[in-house]
Amino acid sequence: MVPQVDVNLLLELDNSWYLVSLSREVSNWVRQTYKEDIQWREYIDGDWQIYYNRLEIDSKIISILRLKYPSFIDNTLRWKQSMKPLK
């Protein structure tokens, strides 16, 4: 079974960082494969809660996830389209 990768909210943080929600398998893979604070960071919300399957990751990892997991779901386009100004 191919794990699902879901780009939940594409927030550009520091110009090339994105907030993503991942399945447990993919989250573990990112944590084991890449260096923390260089290519990924823990997501900590306003109440200082840490969500294990939600990470801030570098745009290069986004590209790798797109190639590695065919079930990559990109909700970003819908998010960006919904943010268009009203006429």
PDB file of N, CA and C in Angstrom:
ATOM      1  N   MET A   1       0.843  -1.189   0.000  1.00  0.00           N
ATOM      2  CA  MET A   1       0.000   0.000   0.000  1.00  0.00           C
ATOM      3  C   MET A   1       0.881   1.243   0.000  1.00  0.00           C
ATOM      4  N   VAL A   2       0.587   2.167  -0.885  1.00  0.00           N
ATOM      5  CA  VAL A   2       1.354   3.397  -0.994  1.00  0.00           C
ATOM      6  C   VAL A   2       0.778   4.409  -0.018  1.00  0.00           C
ATOM      7  N   PRO A   3       1.619   4.967   0.877  1.00  0.00           N
ATOM      8  CA  PRO A   3       1.102   5.942   1.836  1.00  0.00           C
ATOM      9  C   PRO A   3       0.664   7.230   1.143  1.00  0.00           C
ATOM     10  N   GLN A   4      -0.278   7.887   1.726  1.00  0.00           N
ATOM     11  CA  GLN A   4      -0.778   9.138   1.168  1.00  0.00           C
ATOM     12  C   GLN A   4       0.005  10.301   1.750  1.00  0.00           C
ATOM     13  N   VAL A   5       0.411  11.192   0.889  1.00  0.00           N
ATOM     14  CA  VAL A   5       1.095  12.407   1.308  1.00  0.00           C
ATOM     15  C   VAL A   5       0.144  13.547   1.005  1.00  0.00           C
ATOM     16  N   ASP A   6      -0.150  14.345   1.971  1.00  0.00           N
ATOM     17  CA  ASP A   6      -1.128  15.406   1.790  1.00  0.00           C
ATOM     18  C   ASP A   6      -0.496  16.749   2.138  1.00  0.00           C
ATOM     19  N   VAL A   7      -0.382  17.620   1.161  1.00  0.00           N
ATOM     20  CA  VAL A   7       0.063  18.988   1.435  1.00  0.00           C
ATOM     21  C   VAL A   7      -1.181  19.735   1.868  1.00  0.00           C
ATOM     22  N   ASN A   8      -1.317  19.906   3.165  1.00  0.00           N
ATOM     23  CA  ASN A   8      -2.537  20.425   3.755  1.00  0.00           C
ATOM     24  C   ASN A   8      -2.713  21.912   3.523  1.00  0.00           C
ATOM     25  N   LEU A   9      -1.814  22.658   4.024  1.00  0.00           N
ATOM     26  CA  LEU A   9      -1.833  24.107   3.871  1.00  0.00           C
ATOM     27  C   LEU A   9      -0.486  24.474   3.308  1.00  0.00           C
ATOM     28  N   LEU A  10      -0.462  25.070   2.200  1.00  0.00           N
ATOM     29  CA  LEU A  10       0.825  25.476   1.664  1.00  0.00           C
ATOM     30  C   LEU A  10       1.063  26.903   2.109  1.00  0.00           C
ATOM     31  N   LEU A  11       1.762  27.040   3.182  1.00  0.00           N
ATOM     32  CA  LEU A  11       2.133  28.365   3.664  1.00  0.00           C
ATOM     33  C   LEU A  11       3.605  28.540   3.371  1.00  0.00           C
ATOM     34  N   GLU A  12       3.951  29.558   2.632  1.00  0.00           N
ATOM     35  CA  GLU A  12       5.357  29.778   2.376  1.00  0.00           C
ATOM     36  C   GLU A  12       5.957  30.459   3.586  1.00  0.00           C
ATOM     37  N   LEU A  13       6.781  29.699   4.278  1.00  0.00           N
ATOM     38  CA  LEU A  13       7.482  30.219   5.442  1.00  0.00           C
ATOM     39  C   LEU A  13       8.925  30.431   5.025  1.00  0.00           C
ATOM     40  N   ASP A  14       9.471  31.535   5.218  1.00  0.00           N
ATOM     41  CA  ASP A  14      10.860  31.817   4.833  1.00  0.00           C
ATOM     42  C   ASP A  14      11.106  31.584   3.347  1.00  0.00           C
ATOM     43  N   ASN A  15      10.118  31.797   2.511  1.00  0.00           N
ATOM     44  CA  ASN A  15      10.241  31.767   1.064  1.00  0.00           C
ATOM     45  C   ASN A  15      10.338  30.382   0.418  1.00  0.00           C
ATOM     46  N   SER A  16      10.819  29.341   1.111  1.00  0.00           N
ATOM     47  CA  SER A  16      10.904  28.024   0.473  1.00  0.00           C
ATOM     48  C   SER A  16      10.522  26.900   1.427  1.00  0.00           C
ATOM     49  N   TRP A  17       9.870  27.240   2.524  1.00  0.00           N
ATOM     50  CA  TRP A  17       9.426  26.248   3.509  1.00  0.00           C
ATOM     51  C   TRP A  17       7.917  26.139   3.455  1.00  0.00           C
ATOM     52  N   TYR A  18       7.421  24.902   3.662  1.00  0.00           N
ATOM     53  CA  TYR A  18       5.992  24.639   3.559  1.00  0.00           C
ATOM     54  C   TYR A  18       5.508  23.840   4.761  1.00  0.00           C
ATOM     55  N   LEU A  19       4.300  24.107   5.174  1.00  0.00           N
ATOM     56  CA  LEU A  19       3.663  23.334   6.237  1.00  0.00           C
ATOM     57  C   LEU A  19       2.918  22.182   5.587  1.00  0.00           C
ATOM     58  N   VAL A  20       3.250  20.940   5.978  1.00  0.00           N
ATOM     59  CA  VAL A  20       2.618  19.765   5.378  1.00  0.00           C
ATOM     60  C   VAL A  20       2.096  18.826   6.448  1.00  0.00           C
ATOM     61  N   SER A  21       1.063  18.101   6.095  1.00  0.00           N
ATOM     62  CA  SER A  21       0.527  17.048   6.937  1.00  0.00           C
ATOM     63  C   SER A  21       0.824  15.735   6.239  1.00  0.00           C
ATOM     64  N   LEU A  22       1.475  14.792   6.942  1.00  0.00           N
ATOM     65  CA  LEU A  22       1.939  13.546   6.341  1.00  0.00           C
ATOM     66  C   LEU A  22       1.364  12.342   7.064  1.00  0.00           C
ATOM     67  N   SER A  23       1.305  11.227   6.355  1.00  0.00           N
ATOM     68  CA  SER A  23       0.955   9.975   7.029  1.00  0.00           C
ATOM     69  C   SER A  23       2.120   9.590   7.943  1.00  0.00           C
ATOM     70  N   ARG A  24       1.877   8.690   8.860  1.00  0.00           N
ATOM     71  CA  ARG A  24       2.907   8.288   9.825  1.00  0.00           C
ATOM     72  C   ARG A  24       4.148   7.720   9.130  1.00  0.00           C
ATOM     73  N   GLU A  25       3.927   6.861   8.138  1.00  0.00           N
ATOM     74  CA  GLU A  25       5.056   6.251   7.420  1.00  0.00           C
ATOM     75  C   GLU A  25       5.930   7.303   6.750  1.00  0.00           C
ATOM     76  N   VAL A  26       5.305   8.240   6.095  1.00  0.00           N
ATOM     77  CA  VAL A  26       6.050   9.270   5.366  1.00  0.00           C
ATOM     78  C   VAL A  26       6.734  10.219   6.351  1.00  0.00           C
ATOM     79  N   SER A  27       6.052  10.547   7.422  1.00  0.00           N
ATOM     80  CA  SER A  27       6.647  11.397   8.456  1.00  0.00           C
ATOM     81  C   SER A  27       7.914  10.743   9.031  1.00  0.00           C
ATOM     82  N   ASN A  28       7.841   9.455   9.307  1.00  0.00           N
ATOM     83  CA  ASN A  28       9.014   8.732   9.810  1.00  0.00           C
ATOM     84  C   ASN A  28      10.134   8.728   8.785  1.00  0.00           C
ATOM     85  N   TRP A  29       9.782   8.543   7.517  1.00  0.00           N
ATOM     86  CA  TRP A  29      10.786   8.526   6.457  1.00  0.00           C
ATOM     87  C   TRP A  29      11.502   9.870   6.367  1.00  0.00           C
ATOM     88  N   VAL A  30      10.749  10.967   6.410  1.00  0.00           N
ATOM     89  CA  VAL A  30      11.352  12.308   6.345  1.00  0.00           C
ATOM     90  C   VAL A  30      12.277  12.518   7.542  1.00  0.00           C
ATOM     91  N   ARG A  31      11.827  12.150   8.726  1.00  0.00           N
ATOM     92  CA  ARG A  31      12.632  12.326   9.941  1.00  0.00           C
ATOM     93  C   ARG A  31      13.932  11.521   9.898  1.00  0.00           C
ATOM     94  N   GLN A  32      13.887  10.325   9.328  1.00  0.00           N
ATOM     95  CA  GLN A  32      15.074   9.471   9.282  1.00  0.00           C
ATOM     96  C   GLN A  32      16.017   9.822   8.135  1.00  0.00           C
ATOM     97  N   THR A  33      15.473  10.378   7.072  1.00  0.00           N
ATOM     98  CA  THR A  33      16.263  10.622   5.871  1.00  0.00           C
ATOM     99  C   THR A  33      16.934  11.994   5.862  1.00  0.00           C
ATOM    100  N   TYR A  34      16.285  12.982   6.423  1.00  0.00           N
ATOM    101  CA  TYR A  34      16.777  14.356   6.325  1.00  0.00           C
ATOM    102  C   TYR A  34      17.137  14.925   7.693  1.00  0.00           C
ATOM    103  N   LYS A  35      17.952  15.979   7.673  1.00  0.00           N
ATOM    104  CA  LYS A  35      18.450  16.573   8.914  1.00  0.00           C
ATOM    105  C   LYS A  35      17.462  17.598   9.467  1.00  0.00           C
ATOM    106  N   GLU A  36      17.166  17.455  10.736  1.00  0.00           N
ATOM    107  CA  GLU A  36      16.256  18.395  11.397  1.00  0.00           C
ATOM    108  C   GLU A  36      16.892  19.776  11.449  1.00  0.00           C
ATOM    109  N   ASP A  37      16.067  20.803  11.354  1.00  0.00           N
ATOM    110  CA  ASP A  37      16.443  22.212  11.376  1.00  0.00           C
ATOM    111  C   ASP A  37      17.181  22.673  10.133  1.00  0.00           C
ATOM    112  N   ILE A  38      17.568  21.747   9.254  1.00  0.00           N
ATOM    113  CA  ILE A  38      18.184  22.136   7.992  1.00  0.00           C
ATOM    114  C   ILE A  38      17.193  21.902   6.859  1.00  0.00           C
ATOM    115  N   GLN A  39      16.544  20.720   6.864  1.00  0.00           N
ATOM    116  CA  GLN A  39      15.609  20.388   5.797  1.00  0.00           C
ATOM    117  C   GLN A  39      14.181  20.180   6.291  1.00  0.00           C
ATOM    118  N   TRP A  40      13.982  20.057   7.574  1.00  0.00           N
ATOM    119  CA  TRP A  40      12.630  19.980   8.136  1.00  0.00           C
ATOM    120  C   TRP A  40      12.648  20.474   9.574  1.00  0.00           C
ATOM    121  N   ARG A  41      11.489  20.924  10.045  1.00  0.00           N
ATOM    122  CA  ARG A  41      11.341  21.402  11.427  1.00  0.00           C
ATOM    123  C   ARG A  41      10.019  20.902  11.981  1.00  0.00           C
ATOM    124  N   GLU A  42       9.967  20.763  13.289  1.00  0.00           N
ATOM    125  CA  GLU A  42       8.704  20.419  13.959  1.00  0.00           C
ATOM    126  C   GLU A  42       7.733  21.577  13.779  1.00  0.00           C
ATOM    127  N   TYR A  43       6.471  21.244  13.603  1.00  0.00           N
ATOM    128  CA  TYR A  43       5.439  22.273  13.574  1.00  0.00           C
ATOM    129  C   TYR A  43       4.922  22.438  14.993  1.00  0.00           C
ATOM    130  N   ILE A  44       5.002  23.648  15.508  1.00  0.00           N
ATOM    131  CA  ILE A  44       4.511  23.948  16.861  1.00  0.00           C
ATOM    132  C   ILE A  44       3.464  25.047  16.716  1.00  0.00           C
ATOM    133  N   ASP A  45       2.249  24.769  17.187  1.00  0.00           N
ATOM    134  CA  ASP A  45       1.185  25.764  17.025  1.00  0.00           C
ATOM    135  C   ASP A  45       1.254  26.842  18.106  1.00  0.00           C
ATOM    136  N   GLY A  46       0.295  27.740  18.102  1.00  0.00           N
ATOM    137  CA  GLY A  46       0.272  28.868  19.033  1.00  0.00           C
ATOM    138  C   GLY A  46       0.133  28.468  20.492  1.00  0.00           C
ATOM    139  N   ASP A  47      -0.378  27.253  20.745  1.00  0.00           N
ATOM    140  CA  ASP A  47      -0.509  26.755  22.120  1.00  0.00           C
ATOM    141  C   ASP A  47       0.661  25.858  22.504  1.00  0.00           C
ATOM    142  N   TRP A  48       1.728  25.881  21.725  1.00  0.00           N
ATOM    143  CA  TRP A  48       2.938  25.087  21.961  1.00  0.00           C
ATOM    144  C   TRP A  48       2.686  23.587  21.862  1.00  0.00           C
ATOM    145  N   GLN A  49       1.697  23.213  21.044  1.00  0.00           N
ATOM    146  CA  GLN A  49       1.423  21.805  20.779  1.00  0.00           C
ATOM    147  C   GLN A  49       2.287  21.350  19.606  1.00  0.00           C
ATOM    148  N   ILE A  50       2.852  20.152  19.707  1.00  0.00           N
ATOM    149  CA  ILE A  50       3.617  19.566  18.604  1.00  0.00           C
ATOM    150  C   ILE A  50       2.774  18.463  17.986  1.00  0.00           C
ATOM    151  N   TYR A  51       2.640  18.492  16.677  1.00  0.00           N
ATOM    152  CA  TYR A  51       1.899  17.477  15.938  1.00  0.00           C
ATOM    153  C   TYR A  51       2.907  16.616  15.198  1.00  0.00           C
ATOM    154  N   TYR A  52       2.997  15.343  15.551  1.00  0.00           N
ATOM    155  CA  TYR A  52       4.043  14.475  15.031  1.00  0.00           C
ATOM    156  C   TYR A  52       3.997  14.336  13.507  1.00  0.00           C
ATOM    157  N   ASN A  53       2.819  14.317  12.926  1.00  0.00           N
ATOM    158  CA  ASN A  53       2.701  14.116  11.485  1.00  0.00           C
ATOM    159  C   ASN A  53       2.543  15.412  10.703  1.00  0.00           C
ATOM    160  N   ARG A  54       2.810  16.525  11.354  1.00  0.00           N
ATOM    161  CA  ARG A  54       2.754  17.819  10.680  1.00  0.00           C
ATOM    162  C   ARG A  54       4.134  18.454  10.793  1.00  0.00           C
ATOM    163  N   LEU A  55       4.727  18.752   9.659  1.00  0.00           N
ATOM    164  CA  LEU A  55       6.089  19.281   9.639  1.00  0.00           C
ATOM    165  C   LEU A  55       6.181  20.512   8.752  1.00  0.00           C
ATOM    166  N   GLU A  56       7.180  21.315   9.009  1.00  0.00           N
ATOM    167  CA  GLU A  56       7.574  22.369   8.089  1.00  0.00           C
ATOM    168  C   GLU A  56       8.757  21.794   7.321  1.00  0.00           C
ATOM    169  N   ILE A  57       8.630  21.716   5.993  1.00  0.00           N
ATOM    170  CA  ILE A  57       9.708  21.109   5.216  1.00  0.00           C
ATOM    171  C   ILE A  57      10.167  22.024   4.090  1.00  0.00           C
ATOM    172  N   ASP A  58      11.383  21.792   3.676  1.00  0.00           N
ATOM    173  CA  ASP A  58      12.011  22.543   2.604  1.00  0.00           C
ATOM    174  C   ASP A  58      11.371  22.170   1.266  1.00  0.00           C
ATOM    175  N   SER A  59      11.352  23.103   0.333  1.00  0.00           N
ATOM    176  CA  SER A  59      10.723  22.861  -0.968  1.00  0.00           C
ATOM    177  C   SER A  59      11.375  21.712  -1.730  1.00  0.00           C
ATOM    178  N   LYS A  60      12.658  21.442  -1.491  1.00  0.00           N
ATOM    179  CA  LYS A  60      13.325  20.318  -2.170  1.00  0.00           C
ATOM    180  C   LYS A  60      12.706  18.987  -1.742  1.00  0.00           C
ATOM    181  N   ILE A  61      12.322  18.886  -0.483  1.00  0.00           N
ATOM    182  CA  ILE A  61      11.697  17.645  -0.005  1.00  0.00           C
ATOM    183  C   ILE A  61      10.306  17.495  -0.619  1.00  0.00           C
ATOM    184  N   ILE A  62       9.603  18.605  -0.825  1.00  0.00           N
ATOM    185  CA  ILE A  62       8.297  18.548  -1.494  1.00  0.00           C
ATOM    186  C   ILE A  62       8.472  17.901  -2.868  1.00  0.00           C
ATOM    187  N   SER A  63       9.481  18.314  -3.597  1.00  0.00           N
ATOM    188  CA  SER A  63       9.737  17.755  -4.931  1.00  0.00           C
ATOM    189  C   SER A  63      10.031  16.264  -4.849  1.00  0.00           C
ATOM    190  N   ILE A  64      10.810  15.851  -3.879  1.00  0.00           N
ATOM    191  CA  ILE A  64      11.140  14.434  -3.713  1.00  0.00           C
ATOM    192  C   ILE A  64       9.896  13.635  -3.348  1.00  0.00           C
ATOM    193  N   LEU A  65       9.048  14.184  -2.474  1.00  0.00           N
ATOM    194  CA  LEU A  65       7.815  13.485  -2.106  1.00  0.00           C
ATOM    195  C   LEU A  65       6.900  13.309  -3.313  1.00  0.00           C
ATOM    196  N   ARG A  66       6.845  14.306  -4.182  1.00  0.00           N
ATOM    197  CA  ARG A  66       6.025  14.206  -5.399  1.00  0.00           C
ATOM    198  C   ARG A  66       6.493  13.033  -6.268  1.00  0.00           C
ATOM    199  N   LEU A  67       7.803  12.840  -6.334  1.00  0.00           N
ATOM    200  CA  LEU A  67       8.349  11.753  -7.154  1.00  0.00           C
ATOM    201  C   LEU A  67       8.227  10.399  -6.474  1.00  0.00           C
ATOM    202  N   LYS A  68       8.459  10.365  -5.181  1.00  0.00           N
ATOM    203  CA  LYS A  68       8.490   9.109  -4.443  1.00  0.00           C
ATOM    204  C   LYS A  68       7.107   8.503  -4.227  1.00  0.00           C
ATOM    205  N   TYR A  69       6.110   9.345  -3.989  1.00  0.00           N
ATOM    206  CA  TYR A  69       4.765   8.868  -3.662  1.00  0.00           C
ATOM    207  C   TYR A  69       3.764   9.317  -4.724  1.00  0.00           C
ATOM    208  N   PRO A  70       3.290   8.374  -5.552  1.00  0.00           N
ATOM    209  CA  PRO A  70       2.335   8.743  -6.590  1.00  0.00           C
ATOM    210  C   PRO A  70       0.998   9.238  -6.041  1.00  0.00           C
ATOM    211  N   SER A  71       0.719   8.951  -4.778  1.00  0.00           N
ATOM    212  CA  SER A  71      -0.559   9.389  -4.193  1.00  0.00           C
ATOM    213  C   SER A  71      -0.472  10.799  -3.605  1.00  0.00           C
ATOM    214  N   PHE A  72       0.600  11.528  -3.928  1.00  0.00           N
ATOM    215  CA  PHE A  72       0.788  12.888  -3.430  1.00  0.00           C
ATOM    216  C   PHE A  72      -0.439  13.726  -3.767  1.00  0.00           C
ATOM    217  N   ILE A  73      -1.038  14.315  -2.764  1.00  0.00           N
ATOM    218  CA  ILE A  73      -2.219  15.164  -2.952  1.00  0.00           C
ATOM    219  C   ILE A  73      -1.807  16.597  -2.653  1.00  0.00           C
ATOM    220  N   ASP A  74      -2.043  17.441  -3.602  1.00  0.00           N
ATOM    221  CA  ASP A  74      -1.658  18.839  -3.430  1.00  0.00           C
ATOM    222  C   ASP A  74      -2.921  19.680  -3.297  1.00  0.00           C
ATOM    223  N   ASN A  75      -3.235  20.078  -2.081  1.00  0.00           N
ATOM    224  CA  ASN A  75      -4.399  20.927  -1.826  1.00  0.00           C
ATOM    225  C   ASN A  75      -4.068  22.400  -2.008  1.00  0.00           C
ATOM    226  N   THR A  76      -2.842  22.671  -2.363  1.00  0.00           N
ATOM    227  CA  THR A  76      -2.384  24.036  -2.475  1.00  0.00           C
ATOM    228  C   THR A  76      -3.090  24.821  -3.547  1.00  0.00           C
ATOM    229  N   LEU A  77      -3.277  24.182  -4.691  1.00  0.00           N
ATOM    230  CA  LEU A  77      -3.902  24.866  -5.803  1.00  0.00           C
ATOM    231  C   LEU A  77      -5.288  25.357  -5.406  1.00  0.00           C
ATOM    232  N   ARG A  78      -6.043  24.479  -4.742  1.00  0.00           N
ATOM    233  CA  ARG A  78      -7.373  24.886  -4.284  1.00  0.00           C
ATOM    234  C   ARG A  78      -7.271  26.014  -3.272  1.00  0.00           C
ATOM    235  N   TRP A  79      -6.273  25.949  -2.394  1.00  0.00           N
ATOM    236  CA  TRP A  79      -6.094  26.985  -1.384  1.00  0.00           C
ATOM    237  C   TRP A  79      -5.748  28.307  -2.053  1.00  0.00           C
ATOM    238  N   LYS A  80      -4.842  28.283  -3.011  1.00  0.00           N
ATOM    239  CA  LYS A  80      -4.444  29.515  -3.694  1.00  0.00           C
ATOM    240  C   LYS A  80      -5.605  30.087  -4.499  1.00  0.00           C
ATOM    241  N   GLN A  81      -6.379  29.222  -5.159  1.00  0.00           N
ATOM    242  CA  GLN A  81      -7.509  29.702  -5.939  1.00  0.00           C
ATOM    243  C   GLN A  81      -8.556  30.353  -5.043  1.00  0.00           C
ATOM    244  N   SER A  82      -8.737  29.815  -3.851  1.00  0.00           N
ATOM    245  CA  SER A  82      -9.732  30.379  -2.951  1.00  0.00           C
ATOM    246  C   SER A  82      -9.289  31.724  -2.388  1.00  0.00           C
ATOM    247  N   MET A  83      -8.005  32.046  -2.518  1.00  0.00           N
ATOM    248  CA  MET A  83      -7.484  33.296  -1.985  1.00  0.00           C
ATOM    249  C   MET A  83      -7.463  34.409  -3.046  1.00  0.00           C
ATOM    250  N   LYS A  84      -8.009  34.142  -4.246  1.00  0.00           N
ATOM    251  CA  LYS A  84      -8.046  35.179  -5.272  1.00  0.00           C
ATOM    252  C   LYS A  84      -8.948  36.316  -4.808  1.00  0.00           C
ATOM    253  N   PRO A  85      -8.558  37.546  -5.105  1.00  0.00           N
ATOM    254  CA  PRO A  85      -9.395  38.681  -4.683  1.00  0.00           C
ATOM    255  C   PRO A  85     -10.741  38.688  -5.413  1.00  0.00           C
ATOM    256  N   LEU A  86     -11.735  39.148  -4.738  1.00  0.00           N
ATOM    257  CA  LEU A  86     -13.072  39.259  -5.341  1.00  0.00           C
ATOM    258  C   LEU A  86     -13.110  40.454  -6.272  1.00  0.00           C
ATOM    259  N   LYS A  87     -13.853  40.322  -7.362  1.00  0.00           N
ATOM    260  CA  LYS A  87     -13.954  41.422  -8.320  1.00  0.00           C
ATOM    261  C   LYS A  87     -15.218  42.215  -8.085  1.00  0.00           C
TER     262      LYS A  87
END
